[in-house]
Amino acid sequence: MNVERSAALSAAAKWFDAGGLLTELASRVGIRTESQNPECAPALARYLTEEIGPAAQRLGFRSEIWDNPVGGAPPTGLSQISERKPSR
């Protein structure tokens, strides 16, 4: 195993063992999001802009939140990453 991979696995294990995953998930499941319920639209927008978008960006994704073209429907989010093949 190369040094970079070993260091990444070690850091991930430490984060997990220290409760990082539980903390991150607790903040996300604490936001009540029901996309079918119009009353939850503000919470869904907050979930996308404060939780999912930033988390995706930290992983190298480009993340955007769009207004839904369907009247009264909550916003929607899209995250994508471009992986380029190494040039030879």
Protein backbone atom coordinates (compact mmCIF):
# COMPACT_ATOMS: atom_id res chain seq x y z
CA MET A 1 0.00 0.00 0.00
CA ASN A 2 1.43 3.40 -0.90
CA VAL A 3 2.03 6.06 1.74
CA GLU A 4 -0.72 8.44 0.54
CA ARG A 5 -3.37 5.71 0.57
CA SER A 6 -2.28 4.50 3.98
CA ALA A 7 -2.41 8.04 5.38
CA ALA A 8 -5.88 8.62 3.89
CA LEU A 9 -7.21 5.38 5.38
CA SER A 10 -5.70 6.20 8.75
CA ALA A 11 -7.24 9.69 8.76
CA ALA A 12 -10.64 8.28 7.77
CA ALA A 13 -10.49 5.67 10.54
CA LYS A 14 -9.56 8.31 13.13
CA TRP A 15 -12.42 10.58 11.97
CA PHE A 16 -14.88 7.69 12.16
CA ASP A 17 -13.62 6.45 15.55
CA ALA A 18 -13.80 10.00 16.98
CA GLY A 19 -17.50 10.19 16.08
CA GLY A 20 -17.17 12.30 12.94
CA LEU A 21 -19.67 10.26 10.94
CA LEU A 22 -22.23 10.25 13.74
CA THR A 23 -21.90 14.02 14.18
CA GLU A 24 -22.25 14.67 10.46
CA LEU A 25 -25.25 12.40 10.09
CA ALA A 26 -26.94 13.79 13.22
CA SER A 27 -26.92 17.30 11.79
CA ARG A 28 -28.41 16.05 8.52
CA VAL A 29 -31.17 13.86 9.91
CA GLY A 30 -32.02 16.65 12.33
CA ILE A 31 -33.38 18.70 9.42
CA ARG A 32 -36.91 17.58 8.61
CA THR A 33 -37.10 17.25 4.83
CA GLU A 34 -40.15 15.93 3.06
CA SER A 35 -39.92 16.93 -0.57
CA GLN A 36 -43.60 16.13 -1.13
CA ASN A 37 -44.69 18.44 1.71
CA PRO A 38 -44.73 22.13 0.62
CA GLU A 39 -44.42 23.23 4.25
CA CYS A 40 -40.98 21.61 4.38
CA ALA A 41 -39.60 23.54 1.39
CA PRO A 42 -37.59 26.01 3.54
CA ALA A 43 -36.02 23.12 5.49
CA LEU A 44 -35.19 21.29 2.27
CA ALA A 45 -33.56 24.43 0.85
CA ARG A 46 -31.49 24.75 4.06
CA TYR A 47 -30.56 21.05 3.90
CA LEU A 48 -29.30 21.46 0.35
CA THR A 49 -27.48 24.77 0.86
CA GLU A 50 -26.03 24.19 4.34
CA GLU A 51 -25.44 20.43 4.42
CA ILE A 52 -25.36 18.58 1.11
CA GLY A 53 -23.90 21.29 -1.15
CA PRO A 54 -20.94 22.11 1.11
CA ALA A 55 -20.27 18.41 1.81
CA ALA A 56 -20.19 17.66 -1.92
CA GLN A 57 -17.90 20.64 -2.54
CA ARG A 58 -15.46 19.44 0.14
CA LEU A 59 -15.21 16.19 -1.84
CA GLY A 60 -14.35 18.09 -5.02
CA PHE A 61 -17.81 18.20 -6.59
CA ARG A 62 -19.38 21.24 -8.18
CA SER A 63 -22.74 21.73 -6.50
CA GLU A 64 -25.70 23.86 -7.53
CA ILE A 65 -29.15 24.44 -6.08
CA TRP A 66 -31.89 25.21 -8.58
CA ASP A 67 -35.37 26.56 -8.17
CA ASN A 68 -37.84 23.92 -9.20
CA PRO A 69 -39.71 24.81 -12.43
CA VAL A 70 -42.82 23.17 -10.97
CA GLY A 71 -44.78 25.83 -9.12
CA GLY A 72 -44.84 25.29 -5.36
CA ALA A 73 -42.30 22.47 -5.52
CA PRO A 74 -39.11 22.62 -3.43
CA PRO A 75 -35.67 23.39 -4.87
CA THR A 76 -33.50 20.68 -6.28
CA GLY A 77 -29.76 20.11 -6.07
CA LEU A 78 -27.20 18.77 -8.49
CA SER A 79 -23.61 17.86 -7.73
CA GLN A 80 -21.14 16.60 -10.28
CA ILE A 81 -17.47 15.91 -10.59
CA SER A 82 -15.37 15.68 -13.72
CA GLU A 83 -12.66 13.13 -13.67
CA ARG A 84 -10.15 13.63 -16.40
CA LYS A 85 -8.03 10.84 -17.68
CA PRO A 86 -4.34 11.44 -17.07
CA SER A 87 -2.55 12.52 -20.22
CA ARG A 88 0.16 10.20 -21.43
